[in-house]
Amino acid sequence: MTSVLMCPDGKTIESEAAHGTVTRHYRQHQKGLPTSTNPIASIFAWTRGLEHRGKLDGNNQLIEFCHHLEKACINTVESGRMTKDLAICIYGSKNVKLEHYLTTMDFLDAIVDRFKKQIN
């Protein structure tokens, strides 16, 4: 899902979402159609980079933020709220229905809601 490469110095890293592009989803978005693009790998790529920055700077609040955001992503999916790609893994491509998954924006909102509950 996400890969992190570290230089021998232990200071320099590269963190990236380990998947291809979503051109088809972008074309839908350009037409004003809803999409169900899974942002979790991109979120984790950012949190892994930010967590490393937090470690270098001794910024425990940033590290905790990253842990909470990753946990919010996982807990959102475990609660049954997910994007279409994950719903297909559960229900199969022939059986997945609109009620089984969220649009990209609704999924991001669900992660935000979960994140806010976790930090309060």
PDB file of N, CA and C in Angstrom:
ATOM      1  N   MET A   1       0.828  -1.185   0.000  1.00  0.00           N
ATOM      2  CA  MET A   1       0.000   0.000   0.000  1.00  0.00           C
ATOM      3  C   MET A   1       0.869   1.245   0.000  1.00  0.00           C
ATOM      4  N   THR A   2       1.795   1.354   0.936  1.00  0.00           N
ATOM      5  CA  THR A   2       2.703   2.495   1.011  1.00  0.00           C
ATOM      6  C   THR A   2       4.107   1.958   1.204  1.00  0.00           C
ATOM      7  N   SER A   3       5.053   2.547   0.514  1.00  0.00           N
ATOM      8  CA  SER A   3       6.437   2.131   0.718  1.00  0.00           C
ATOM      9  C   SER A   3       7.237   3.302   1.262  1.00  0.00           C
ATOM     10  N   VAL A   4       8.185   2.974   2.120  1.00  0.00           N
ATOM     11  CA  VAL A   4       9.074   3.974   2.702  1.00  0.00           C
ATOM     12  C   VAL A   4      10.503   3.504   2.463  1.00  0.00           C
ATOM     13  N   LEU A   5      11.275   4.322   1.792  1.00  0.00           N
ATOM     14  CA  LEU A   5      12.682   4.026   1.535  1.00  0.00           C
ATOM     15  C   LEU A   5      13.523   4.976   2.372  1.00  0.00           C
ATOM     16  N   MET A   6      14.527   4.431   3.065  1.00  0.00           N
ATOM     17  CA  MET A   6      15.358   5.253   3.937  1.00  0.00           C
ATOM     18  C   MET A   6      16.809   5.190   3.484  1.00  0.00           C
ATOM     19  N   CYS A   7      17.453   6.346   3.454  1.00  0.00           N
ATOM     20  CA  CYS A   7      18.884   6.418   3.143  1.00  0.00           C
ATOM     21  C   CYS A   7      19.685   5.887   4.325  1.00  0.00           C
ATOM     22  N   PRO A   8      20.905   5.451   4.074  1.00  0.00           N
ATOM     23  CA  PRO A   8      21.746   4.937   5.160  1.00  0.00           C
ATOM     24  C   PRO A   8      21.952   5.930   6.307  1.00  0.00           C
ATOM     25  N   ASP A   9      21.835   7.234   6.021  1.00  0.00           N
ATOM     26  CA  ASP A   9      22.026   8.226   7.089  1.00  0.00           C
ATOM     27  C   ASP A   9      20.878   8.239   8.091  1.00  0.00           C
ATOM     28  N   GLY A  10      19.748   7.586   7.749  1.00  0.00           N
ATOM     29  CA  GLY A  10      18.603   7.534   8.644  1.00  0.00           C
ATOM     30  C   GLY A  10      17.806   8.822   8.706  1.00  0.00           C
ATOM     31  N   LYS A  11      18.215   9.825   7.971  1.00  0.00           N
ATOM     32  CA  LYS A  11      17.532  11.117   8.007  1.00  0.00           C
ATOM     33  C   LYS A  11      16.646  11.346   6.788  1.00  0.00           C
ATOM     34  N   THR A  12      17.081  10.850   5.661  1.00  0.00           N
ATOM     35  CA  THR A  12      16.373  11.102   4.416  1.00  0.00           C
ATOM     36  C   THR A  12      15.520   9.896   4.055  1.00  0.00           C
ATOM     37  N   ILE A  13      14.219  10.151   3.816  1.00  0.00           N
ATOM     38  CA  ILE A  13      13.329   9.071   3.401  1.00  0.00           C
ATOM     39  C   ILE A  13      12.525   9.504   2.192  1.00  0.00           C
ATOM     40  N   GLU A  14      11.979   8.504   1.525  1.00  0.00           N
ATOM     41  CA  GLU A  14      10.984   8.735   0.497  1.00  0.00           C
ATOM     42  C   GLU A  14       9.809   7.849   0.861  1.00  0.00           C
ATOM     43  N   SER A  15       8.633   8.443   0.914  1.00  0.00           N
ATOM     44  CA  SER A  15       7.424   7.702   1.237  1.00  0.00           C
ATOM     45  C   SER A  15       6.445   7.925   0.095  1.00  0.00           C
ATOM     46  N   GLU A  16       5.895   6.835  -0.438  1.00  0.00           N
ATOM     47  CA  GLU A  16       4.998   6.986  -1.579  1.00  0.00           C
ATOM     48  C   GLU A  16       3.868   5.969  -1.515  1.00  0.00           C
ATOM     49  N   ALA A  17       2.780   6.331  -2.163  1.00  0.00           N
ATOM     50  CA  ALA A  17       1.671   5.401  -2.320  1.00  0.00           C
ATOM     51  C   ALA A  17       2.073   4.406  -3.397  1.00  0.00           C
ATOM     52  N   ALA A  18       2.042   3.144  -3.062  1.00  0.00           N
ATOM     53  CA  ALA A  18       2.516   2.103  -3.978  1.00  0.00           C
ATOM     54  C   ALA A  18       1.370   1.603  -4.849  1.00  0.00           C
ATOM     55  N   HIS A  19       0.902   2.455  -5.741  1.00  0.00           N
ATOM     56  CA  HIS A  19      -0.132   2.052  -6.695  1.00  0.00           C
ATOM     57  C   HIS A  19      -0.054   2.952  -7.916  1.00  0.00           C
ATOM     58  N   GLY A  20      -0.812   2.607  -8.921  1.00  0.00           N
ATOM     59  CA  GLY A  20      -0.795   3.359 -10.169  1.00  0.00           C
ATOM     60  C   GLY A  20      -1.661   4.604 -10.112  1.00  0.00           C
ATOM     61  N   THR A  21      -1.863   5.179 -11.261  1.00  0.00           N
ATOM     62  CA  THR A  21      -2.665   6.394 -11.355  1.00  0.00           C
ATOM     63  C   THR A  21      -4.148   6.054 -11.375  1.00  0.00           C
ATOM     64  N   VAL A  22      -4.957   7.053 -11.240  1.00  0.00           N
ATOM     65  CA  VAL A  22      -6.408   6.867 -11.245  1.00  0.00           C
ATOM     66  C   VAL A  22      -7.021   7.726 -12.356  1.00  0.00           C
ATOM     67  N   THR A  23      -6.475   7.573 -13.558  1.00  0.00           N
ATOM     68  CA  THR A  23      -6.911   8.381 -14.697  1.00  0.00           C
ATOM     69  C   THR A  23      -8.404   8.248 -14.940  1.00  0.00           C
ATOM     70  N   ARG A  24      -8.913   7.032 -14.882  1.00  0.00           N
ATOM     71  CA  ARG A  24     -10.345   6.806 -15.135  1.00  0.00           C
ATOM     72  C   ARG A  24     -11.201   7.578 -14.135  1.00  0.00           C
ATOM     73  N   HIS A  25     -10.797   7.586 -12.884  1.00  0.00           N
ATOM     74  CA  HIS A  25     -11.538   8.316 -11.858  1.00  0.00           C
ATOM     75  C   HIS A  25     -11.467   9.818 -12.112  1.00  0.00           C
ATOM     76  N   TYR A  26     -10.307  10.290 -12.530  1.00  0.00           N
ATOM     77  CA  TYR A  26     -10.148  11.718 -12.812  1.00  0.00           C
ATOM     78  C   TYR A  26     -11.045  12.135 -13.975  1.00  0.00           C
ATOM     79  N   ARG A  27     -11.164  11.302 -14.985  1.00  0.00           N
ATOM     80  CA  ARG A  27     -12.043  11.614 -16.126  1.00  0.00           C
ATOM     81  C   ARG A  27     -13.501  11.696 -15.659  1.00  0.00           C
ATOM     82  N   GLN A  28     -13.900  10.822 -14.749  1.00  0.00           N
ATOM     83  CA  GLN A  28     -15.255  10.897 -14.179  1.00  0.00           C
ATOM     84  C   GLN A  28     -15.433  12.215 -13.434  1.00  0.00           C
ATOM     85  N   HIS A  29     -14.452  12.569 -12.634  1.00  0.00           N
ATOM     86  CA  HIS A  29     -14.486  13.813 -11.859  1.00  0.00           C
ATOM     87  C   HIS A  29     -14.609  15.019 -12.791  1.00  0.00           C
ATOM     88  N   GLN A  30     -13.876  15.029 -13.904  1.00  0.00           N
ATOM     89  CA  GLN A  30     -13.932  16.133 -14.859  1.00  0.00           C
ATOM     90  C   GLN A  30     -15.330  16.294 -15.443  1.00  0.00           C
ATOM     91  N   LYS A  31     -16.065  15.197 -15.560  1.00  0.00           N
ATOM     92  CA  LYS A  31     -17.429  15.231 -16.086  1.00  0.00           C
ATOM     93  C   LYS A  31     -18.451  15.588 -15.013  1.00  0.00           C
ATOM     94  N   GLY A  32     -17.974  15.812 -13.790  1.00  0.00           N
ATOM     95  CA  GLY A  32     -18.885  16.137 -12.696  1.00  0.00           C
ATOM     96  C   GLY A  32     -19.528  14.922 -12.062  1.00  0.00           C
ATOM     97  N   LEU A  33     -19.030  13.746 -12.386  1.00  0.00           N
ATOM     98  CA  LEU A  33     -19.582  12.509 -11.831  1.00  0.00           C
ATOM     99  C   LEU A  33     -18.886  12.166 -10.518  1.00  0.00           C
ATOM    100  N   PRO A  34     -19.602  11.520  -9.610  1.00  0.00           N
ATOM    101  CA  PRO A  34     -18.963  11.114  -8.351  1.00  0.00           C
ATOM    102  C   PRO A  34     -17.958   9.990  -8.599  1.00  0.00           C
ATOM    103  N   THR A  35     -16.938   9.956  -7.781  1.00  0.00           N
ATOM    104  CA  THR A  35     -15.936   8.891  -7.864  1.00  0.00           C
ATOM    105  C   THR A  35     -15.847   8.199  -6.512  1.00  0.00           C
ATOM    106  N   SER A  36     -15.251   7.035  -6.520  1.00  0.00           N
ATOM    107  CA  SER A  36     -14.992   6.318  -5.277  1.00  0.00           C
ATOM    108  C   SER A  36     -13.535   5.876  -5.306  1.00  0.00           C
ATOM    109  N   THR A  37     -12.659   6.850  -5.132  1.00  0.00           N
ATOM    110  CA  THR A  37     -11.219   6.623  -5.172  1.00  0.00           C
ATOM    111  C   THR A  37     -10.704   6.445  -3.752  1.00  0.00           C
ATOM    112  N   ASN A  38      -9.941   5.401  -3.534  1.00  0.00           N
ATOM    113  CA  ASN A  38      -9.417   5.092  -2.202  1.00  0.00           C
ATOM    114  C   ASN A  38      -8.174   5.943  -1.911  1.00  0.00           C
ATOM    115  N   PRO A  39      -8.247   6.847  -0.923  1.00  0.00           N
ATOM    116  CA  PRO A  39      -7.118   7.724  -0.616  1.00  0.00           C
ATOM    117  C   PRO A  39      -6.175   7.183   0.455  1.00  0.00           C
ATOM    118  N   ILE A  40      -6.417   5.989   0.969  1.00  0.00           N
ATOM    119  CA  ILE A  40      -5.671   5.520   2.139  1.00  0.00           C
ATOM    120  C   ILE A  40      -4.172   5.429   1.877  1.00  0.00           C
ATOM    121  N   ALA A  41      -3.757   4.901   0.737  1.00  0.00           N
ATOM    122  CA  ALA A  41      -2.320   4.790   0.465  1.00  0.00           C
ATOM    123  C   ALA A  41      -1.665   6.167   0.421  1.00  0.00           C
ATOM    124  N   SER A  42      -2.347   7.140  -0.159  1.00  0.00           N
ATOM    125  CA  SER A  42      -1.798   8.502  -0.199  1.00  0.00           C
ATOM    126  C   SER A  42      -1.733   9.107   1.195  1.00  0.00           C
ATOM    127  N   ILE A  43      -2.767   8.876   1.995  1.00  0.00           N
ATOM    128  CA  ILE A  43      -2.764   9.384   3.373  1.00  0.00           C
ATOM    129  C   ILE A  43      -1.600   8.774   4.147  1.00  0.00           C
ATOM    130  N   PHE A  44      -1.423   7.456   4.017  1.00  0.00           N
ATOM    131  CA  PHE A  44      -0.331   6.795   4.736  1.00  0.00           C
ATOM    132  C   PHE A  44       1.040   7.254   4.238  1.00  0.00           C
ATOM    133  N   ALA A  45       1.163   7.543   2.952  1.00  0.00           N
ATOM    134  CA  ALA A  45       2.443   8.066   2.447  1.00  0.00           C
ATOM    135  C   ALA A  45       2.766   9.385   3.142  1.00  0.00           C
ATOM    136  N   TRP A  46       1.774  10.240   3.294  1.00  0.00           N
ATOM    137  CA  TRP A  46       1.985  11.513   3.994  1.00  0.00           C
ATOM    138  C   TRP A  46       2.260  11.301   5.477  1.00  0.00           C
ATOM    139  N   THR A  47       1.478  10.435   6.118  1.00  0.00           N
ATOM    140  CA  THR A  47       1.691  10.255   7.562  1.00  0.00           C
ATOM    141  C   THR A  47       3.051   9.641   7.849  1.00  0.00           C
ATOM    142  N   ARG A  48       3.514   8.741   7.000  1.00  0.00           N
ATOM    143  CA  ARG A  48       4.834   8.143   7.223  1.00  0.00           C
ATOM    144  C   ARG A  48       5.931   9.192   7.079  1.00  0.00           C
ATOM    145  N   GLY A  49       5.793  10.073   6.096  1.00  0.00           N
ATOM    146  CA  GLY A  49       6.766  11.156   5.942  1.00  0.00           C
ATOM    147  C   GLY A  49       6.719  12.134   7.099  1.00  0.00           C
ATOM    148  N   LEU A  50       5.509  12.499   7.506  1.00  0.00           N
ATOM    149  CA  LEU A  50       5.362  13.435   8.629  1.00  0.00           C
ATOM    150  C   LEU A  50       5.820  12.817   9.945  1.00  0.00           C
ATOM    151  N   GLU A  51       5.557  11.534  10.128  1.00  0.00           N
ATOM    152  CA  GLU A  51       6.018  10.862  11.345  1.00  0.00           C
ATOM    153  C   GLU A  51       7.547  10.883  11.419  1.00  0.00           C
ATOM    154  N   HIS A  52       8.184  10.645  10.292  1.00  0.00           N
ATOM    155  CA  HIS A  52       9.651  10.684  10.265  1.00  0.00           C
ATOM    156  C   HIS A  52      10.147  12.097  10.597  1.00  0.00           C
ATOM    157  N   ARG A  53       9.484  13.104  10.033  1.00  0.00           N
ATOM    158  CA  ARG A  53       9.847  14.489  10.355  1.00  0.00           C
ATOM    159  C   ARG A  53       9.687  14.736  11.852  1.00  0.00           C
ATOM    160  N   GLY A  54       8.613  14.216  12.418  1.00  0.00           N
ATOM    161  CA  GLY A  54       8.384  14.356  13.852  1.00  0.00           C
ATOM    162  C   GLY A  54       9.478  13.711  14.681  1.00  0.00           C
ATOM    163  N   LYS A  55       9.946  12.548  14.237  1.00  0.00           N
ATOM    164  CA  LYS A  55      11.037  11.869  14.951  1.00  0.00           C
ATOM    165  C   LYS A  55      12.324  12.677  14.869  1.00  0.00           C
ATOM    166  N   LEU A  56      12.626  13.211  13.691  1.00  0.00           N
ATOM    167  CA  LEU A  56      13.845  14.010  13.531  1.00  0.00           C
ATOM    168  C   LEU A  56      13.815  15.268  14.396  1.00  0.00           C
ATOM    169  N   ASP A  57      12.627  15.863  14.517  1.00  0.00           N
ATOM    170  CA  ASP A  57      12.489  17.118  15.260  1.00  0.00           C
ATOM    171  C   ASP A  57      12.132  16.923  16.723  1.00  0.00           C
ATOM    172  N   GLY A  58      11.864  15.680  17.124  1.00  0.00           N
ATOM    173  CA  GLY A  58      11.404  15.441  18.489  1.00  0.00           C
ATOM    174  C   GLY A  58      10.011  16.010  18.728  1.00  0.00           C
ATOM    175  N   ASN A  59       9.183  16.011  17.674  1.00  0.00           N
ATOM    176  CA  ASN A  59       7.839  16.580  17.738  1.00  0.00           C
ATOM    177  C   ASN A  59       6.830  15.456  17.983  1.00  0.00           C
ATOM    178  N   ASN A  60       6.588  15.158  19.250  1.00  0.00           N
ATOM    179  CA  ASN A  60       5.680  14.061  19.603  1.00  0.00           C
ATOM    180  C   ASN A  60       4.238  14.331  19.205  1.00  0.00           C
ATOM    181  N   GLN A  61       3.830  15.601  19.176  1.00  0.00           N
ATOM    182  CA  GLN A  61       2.463  15.916  18.756  1.00  0.00           C
ATOM    183  C   GLN A  61       2.244  15.543  17.293  1.00  0.00           C
ATOM    184  N   LEU A  62       3.226  15.794  16.461  1.00  0.00           N
ATOM    185  CA  LEU A  62       3.117  15.427  15.053  1.00  0.00           C
ATOM    186  C   LEU A  62       3.074  13.909  14.897  1.00  0.00           C
ATOM    187  N   ILE A  63       3.887  13.219  15.643  1.00  0.00           N
ATOM    188  CA  ILE A  63       3.898  11.751  15.596  1.00  0.00           C
ATOM    189  C   ILE A  63       2.537  11.202  16.026  1.00  0.00           C
ATOM    190  N   GLU A  64       1.990  11.729  17.106  1.00  0.00           N
ATOM    191  CA  GLU A  64       0.669  11.285  17.580  1.00  0.00           C
ATOM    192  C   GLU A  64      -0.417  11.588  16.558  1.00  0.00           C
ATOM    193  N   PHE A  65      -0.343  12.764  15.928  1.00  0.00           N
ATOM    194  CA  PHE A  65      -1.295  13.126  14.878  1.00  0.00           C
ATOM    195  C   PHE A  65      -1.296  12.054  13.788  1.00  0.00           C
ATOM    196  N   CYS A  66      -0.107  11.678  13.353  1.00  0.00           N
ATOM    197  CA  CYS A  66       0.023  10.665  12.301  1.00  0.00           C
ATOM    198  C   CYS A  66      -0.579   9.334  12.732  1.00  0.00           C
ATOM    199  N   HIS A  67      -0.302   8.921  13.950  1.00  0.00           N
ATOM    200  CA  HIS A  67      -0.847   7.654  14.451  1.00  0.00           C
ATOM    201  C   HIS A  67      -2.372   7.699  14.512  1.00  0.00           C
ATOM    202  N   HIS A  68      -2.918   8.816  14.984  1.00  0.00           N
ATOM    203  CA  HIS A  68      -4.379   8.953  15.055  1.00  0.00           C
ATOM    204  C   HIS A  68      -5.011   8.936  13.665  1.00  0.00           C
ATOM    205  N   LEU A  69      -4.373   9.609  12.708  1.00  0.00           N
ATOM    206  CA  LEU A  69      -4.938   9.642  11.357  1.00  0.00           C
ATOM    207  C   LEU A  69      -4.911   8.256  10.714  1.00  0.00           C
ATOM    208  N   GLU A  70      -3.830   7.532  10.868  1.00  0.00           N
ATOM    209  CA  GLU A  70      -3.773   6.170  10.326  1.00  0.00           C
ATOM    210  C   GLU A  70      -4.811   5.271  10.994  1.00  0.00           C
ATOM    211  N   LYS A  71      -4.937   5.399  12.301  1.00  0.00           N
ATOM    212  CA  LYS A  71      -5.926   4.595  13.031  1.00  0.00           C
ATOM    213  C   LYS A  71      -7.344   4.946  12.580  1.00  0.00           C
ATOM    214  N   ALA A  72      -7.595   6.224  12.321  1.00  0.00           N
ATOM    215  CA  ALA A  72      -8.915   6.650  11.851  1.00  0.00           C
ATOM    216  C   ALA A  72      -9.236   6.015  10.497  1.00  0.00           C
ATOM    217  N   CYS A  73      -8.252   5.934   9.617  1.00  0.00           N
ATOM    218  CA  CYS A  73      -8.457   5.284   8.314  1.00  0.00           C
ATOM    219  C   CYS A  73      -8.838   3.820   8.501  1.00  0.00           C
ATOM    220  N   ILE A  74      -8.065   3.124   9.303  1.00  0.00           N
ATOM    221  CA  ILE A  74      -8.300   1.694   9.532  1.00  0.00           C
ATOM    222  C   ILE A  74      -9.653   1.465  10.202  1.00  0.00           C
ATOM    223  N   ASN A  75      -9.949   2.228  11.241  1.00  0.00           N
ATOM    224  CA  ASN A  75     -11.208   2.052  11.960  1.00  0.00           C
ATOM    225  C   ASN A  75     -12.419   2.388  11.098  1.00  0.00           C
ATOM    226  N   THR A  76     -12.272   3.342  10.200  1.00  0.00           N
ATOM    227  CA  THR A  76     -13.374   3.689   9.300  1.00  0.00           C
ATOM    228  C   THR A  76     -13.717   2.497   8.413  1.00  0.00           C
ATOM    229  N   VAL A  77     -12.712   1.877   7.843  1.00  0.00           N
ATOM    230  CA  VAL A  77     -12.951   0.708   6.987  1.00  0.00           C
ATOM    231  C   VAL A  77     -13.492  -0.455   7.813  1.00  0.00           C
ATOM    232  N   GLU A  78     -12.906  -0.682   8.982  1.00  0.00           N
ATOM    233  CA  GLU A  78     -13.375  -1.786   9.827  1.00  0.00           C
ATOM    234  C   GLU A  78     -14.817  -1.598  10.277  1.00  0.00           C
ATOM    235  N   SER A  79     -15.286  -0.349  10.318  1.00  0.00           N
ATOM    236  CA  SER A  79     -16.674  -0.082  10.703  1.00  0.00           C
ATOM    237  C   SER A  79     -17.645  -0.287   9.541  1.00  0.00           C
ATOM    238  N   GLY A  80     -17.103  -0.622   8.357  1.00  0.00           N
ATOM    239  CA  GLY A  80     -17.963  -0.885   7.208  1.00  0.00           C
ATOM    240  C   GLY A  80     -18.090   0.269   6.240  1.00  0.00           C
ATOM    241  N   ARG A  81     -17.397   1.353   6.483  1.00  0.00           N
ATOM    242  CA  ARG A  81     -17.441   2.518   5.589  1.00  0.00           C
ATOM    243  C   ARG A  81     -16.171   2.500   4.745  1.00  0.00           C
ATOM    244  N   MET A  82     -16.338   2.366   3.434  1.00  0.00           N
ATOM    245  CA  MET A  82     -15.179   2.151   2.566  1.00  0.00           C
ATOM    246  C   MET A  82     -15.457   2.637   1.154  1.00  0.00           C
ATOM    247  N   THR A  83     -14.406   2.635   0.344  1.00  0.00           N
ATOM    248  CA  THR A  83     -14.523   2.979  -1.065  1.00  0.00           C
ATOM    249  C   THR A  83     -14.853   1.726  -1.875  1.00  0.00           C
ATOM    250  N   LYS A  84     -15.202   1.945  -3.122  1.00  0.00           N
ATOM    251  CA  LYS A  84     -15.684   0.852  -3.971  1.00  0.00           C
ATOM    252  C   LYS A  84     -14.672  -0.277  -4.124  1.00  0.00           C
ATOM    253  N   ASP A  85     -13.390   0.052  -4.256  1.00  0.00           N
ATOM    254  CA  ASP A  85     -12.384  -1.001  -4.447  1.00  0.00           C
ATOM    255  C   ASP A  85     -12.369  -1.981  -3.282  1.00  0.00           C
ATOM    256  N   LEU A  86     -12.545  -1.467  -2.068  1.00  0.00           N
ATOM    257  CA  LEU A  86     -12.561  -2.340  -0.893  1.00  0.00           C
ATOM    258  C   LEU A  86     -13.872  -3.114  -0.797  1.00  0.00           C
ATOM    259  N   ALA A  87     -14.975  -2.461  -1.169  1.00  0.00           N
ATOM    260  CA  ALA A  87     -16.269  -3.148  -1.166  1.00  0.00           C
ATOM    261  C   ALA A  87     -16.267  -4.312  -2.157  1.00  0.00           C
ATOM    262  N   ILE A  88     -15.599  -4.134  -3.286  1.00  0.00           N
ATOM    263  CA  ILE A  88     -15.497  -5.218  -4.270  1.00  0.00           C
ATOM    264  C   ILE A  88     -14.759  -6.414  -3.671  1.00  0.00           C
ATOM    265  N   CYS A  89     -13.763  -6.154  -2.846  1.00  0.00           N
ATOM    266  CA  CYS A  89     -13.028  -7.249  -2.195  1.00  0.00           C
ATOM    267  C   CYS A  89     -13.933  -8.062  -1.274  1.00  0.00           C
ATOM    268  N   ILE A  90     -14.928  -7.425  -0.720  1.00  0.00           N
ATOM    269  CA  ILE A  90     -15.845  -8.101   0.203  1.00  0.00           C
ATOM    270  C   ILE A  90     -17.009  -8.752  -0.541  1.00  0.00           C
ATOM    271  N   TYR A  91     -17.652  -7.994  -1.426  1.00  0.00           N
ATOM    272  CA  TYR A  91     -18.887  -8.445  -2.062  1.00  0.00           C
ATOM    273  C   TYR A  91     -18.687  -9.037  -3.455  1.00  0.00           C
ATOM    274  N   GLY A  92     -17.540  -8.799  -4.056  1.00  0.00           N
ATOM    275  CA  GLY A  92     -17.300  -9.232  -5.430  1.00  0.00           C
ATOM    276  C   GLY A  92     -17.756  -8.170  -6.414  1.00  0.00           C
ATOM    277  N   SER A  93     -17.112  -8.112  -7.551  1.00  0.00           N
ATOM    278  CA  SER A  93     -17.414  -7.051  -8.520  1.00  0.00           C
ATOM    279  C   SER A  93     -18.825  -7.161  -9.092  1.00  0.00           C
ATOM    280  N   LYS A  94     -19.381  -8.353  -9.114  1.00  0.00           N
ATOM    281  CA  LYS A  94     -20.729  -8.527  -9.664  1.00  0.00           C
ATOM    282  C   LYS A  94     -21.821  -8.265  -8.631  1.00  0.00           C
ATOM    283  N   ASN A  95     -21.465  -8.282  -7.358  1.00  0.00           N
ATOM    284  CA  ASN A  95     -22.475  -8.134  -6.307  1.00  0.00           C
ATOM    285  C   ASN A  95     -22.411  -6.806  -5.567  1.00  0.00           C
ATOM    286  N   VAL A  96     -21.380  -6.014  -5.794  1.00  0.00           N
ATOM    287  CA  VAL A  96     -21.242  -4.755  -5.066  1.00  0.00           C
ATOM    288  C   VAL A  96     -22.337  -3.779  -5.510  1.00  0.00           C
ATOM    289  N   LYS A  97     -22.924  -3.107  -4.524  1.00  0.00           N
ATOM    290  CA  LYS A  97     -24.005  -2.152  -4.782  1.00  0.00           C
ATOM    291  C   LYS A  97     -23.629  -0.801  -4.200  1.00  0.00           C
ATOM    292  N   LEU A  98     -24.323   0.237  -4.627  1.00  0.00           N
ATOM    293  CA  LEU A  98     -24.039   1.595  -4.154  1.00  0.00           C
ATOM    294  C   LEU A  98     -24.055   1.709  -2.637  1.00  0.00           C
ATOM    295  N   GLU A  99     -24.919   0.957  -1.976  1.00  0.00           N
ATOM    296  CA  GLU A  99     -25.002   1.057  -0.512  1.00  0.00           C
ATOM    297  C   GLU A  99     -23.814   0.404   0.192  1.00  0.00           C
ATOM    298  N   HIS A 100     -22.977  -0.317  -0.547  1.00  0.00           N
ATOM    299  CA  HIS A 100     -21.806  -0.972   0.043  1.00  0.00           C
ATOM    300  C   HIS A 100     -20.587  -0.061   0.144  1.00  0.00           C
ATOM    301  N   TYR A 101     -20.605   1.073  -0.533  1.00  0.00           N
ATOM    302  CA  TYR A 101     -19.418   1.929  -0.543  1.00  0.00           C
ATOM    303  C   TYR A 101     -19.775   3.410  -0.559  1.00  0.00           C
ATOM    304  N   LEU A 102     -18.773   4.226  -0.295  1.00  0.00           N
ATOM    305  CA  LEU A 102     -18.917   5.679  -0.264  1.00  0.00           C
ATOM    306  C   LEU A 102     -18.183   6.307  -1.440  1.00  0.00           C
ATOM    307  N   THR A 103     -18.597   7.516  -1.789  1.00  0.00           N
ATOM    308  CA  THR A 103     -17.823   8.283  -2.762  1.00  0.00           C
ATOM    309  C   THR A 103     -16.527   8.730  -2.094  1.00  0.00           C
ATOM    310  N   THR A 104     -15.614   9.214  -2.888  1.00  0.00           N
ATOM    311  CA  THR A 104     -14.332   9.687  -2.355  1.00  0.00           C
ATOM    312  C   THR A 104     -14.546  10.717  -1.256  1.00  0.00           C
ATOM    313  N   MET A 105     -15.356  11.727  -1.538  1.00  0.00           N
ATOM    314  CA  MET A 105     -15.554  12.808  -0.564  1.00  0.00           C
ATOM    315  C   MET A 105     -16.271  12.314   0.689  1.00  0.00           C
ATOM    316  N   ASP A 106     -17.267  11.453   0.526  1.00  0.00           N
ATOM    317  CA  ASP A 106     -17.962  10.910   1.696  1.00  0.00           C
ATOM    318  C   ASP A 106     -17.026  10.049   2.543  1.00  0.00           C
ATOM    319  N   PHE A 107     -16.135   9.323   1.886  1.00  0.00           N
ATOM    320  CA  PHE A 107     -15.171   8.508   2.619  1.00  0.00           C
ATOM    321  C   PHE A 107     -14.197   9.398   3.390  1.00  0.00           C
ATOM    322  N   LEU A 108     -13.709  10.449   2.746  1.00  0.00           N
ATOM    323  CA  LEU A 108     -12.820  11.385   3.450  1.00  0.00           C
ATOM    324  C   LEU A 108     -13.534  12.016   4.642  1.00  0.00           C
ATOM    325  N   ASP A 109     -14.804  12.374   4.464  1.00  0.00           N
ATOM    326  CA  ASP A 109     -15.587  12.924   5.581  1.00  0.00           C
ATOM    327  C   ASP A 109     -15.712  11.905   6.713  1.00  0.00           C
ATOM    328  N   ALA A 110     -15.898  10.639   6.363  1.00  0.00           N
ATOM    329  CA  ALA A 110     -16.005   9.587   7.381  1.00  0.00           C
ATOM    330  C   ALA A 110     -14.696   9.448   8.157  1.00  0.00           C
ATOM    331  N   ILE A 111     -13.573   9.556   7.461  1.00  0.00           N
ATOM    332  CA  ILE A 111     -12.269   9.502   8.136  1.00  0.00           C
ATOM    333  C   ILE A 111     -12.122  10.695   9.074  1.00  0.00           C
ATOM    334  N   VAL A 112     -12.499  11.873   8.606  1.00  0.00           N
ATOM    335  CA  VAL A 112     -12.416  13.080   9.444  1.00  0.00           C
ATOM    336  C   VAL A 112     -13.271  12.911  10.696  1.00  0.00           C
ATOM    337  N   ASP A 113     -14.495  12.431  10.535  1.00  0.00           N
ATOM    338  CA  ASP A 113     -15.379  12.220  11.692  1.00  0.00           C
ATOM    339  C   ASP A 113     -14.743  11.262  12.697  1.00  0.00           C
ATOM    340  N   ARG A 114     -14.203  10.166  12.208  1.00  0.00           N
ATOM    341  CA  ARG A 114     -13.568   9.173  13.079  1.00  0.00           C
ATOM    342  C   ARG A 114     -12.346   9.778  13.767  1.00  0.00           C
ATOM    343  N   PHE A 115     -11.559  10.528  13.017  1.00  0.00           N
ATOM    344  CA  PHE A 115     -10.361  11.173  13.557  1.00  0.00           C
ATOM    345  C   PHE A 115     -10.735  12.123  14.697  1.00  0.00           C
ATOM    346  N   LYS A 116     -11.751  12.943  14.479  1.00  0.00           N
ATOM    347  CA  LYS A 116     -12.178  13.903  15.510  1.00  0.00           C
ATOM    348  C   LYS A 116     -12.636  13.185  16.778  1.00  0.00           C
ATOM    349  N   LYS A 117     -13.337  12.080  16.627  1.00  0.00           N
ATOM    350  CA  LYS A 117     -13.784  11.313  17.795  1.00  0.00           C
ATOM    351  C   LYS A 117     -12.600  10.733  18.561  1.00  0.00           C
ATOM    352  N   GLN A 118     -11.586  10.312  17.831  1.00  0.00           N
ATOM    353  CA  GLN A 118     -10.414   9.708  18.470  1.00  0.00           C
ATOM    354  C   GLN A 118      -9.591  10.711  19.266  1.00  0.00           C
ATOM    355  N   ILE A 119      -9.497  11.937  18.776  1.00  0.00           N
ATOM    356  CA  ILE A 119      -8.629  12.904  19.453  1.00  0.00           C
ATOM    357  C   ILE A 119      -9.347  13.644  20.571  1.00  0.00           C
ATOM    358  N   ASN A 120     -10.646  13.502  20.651  1.00  0.00           N
ATOM    359  CA  ASN A 120     -11.407  14.170  21.732  1.00  0.00           C
ATOM    360  C   ASN A 120     -11.692  13.235  22.880  1.00  0.00           C
TER     361      ASN A 120
END
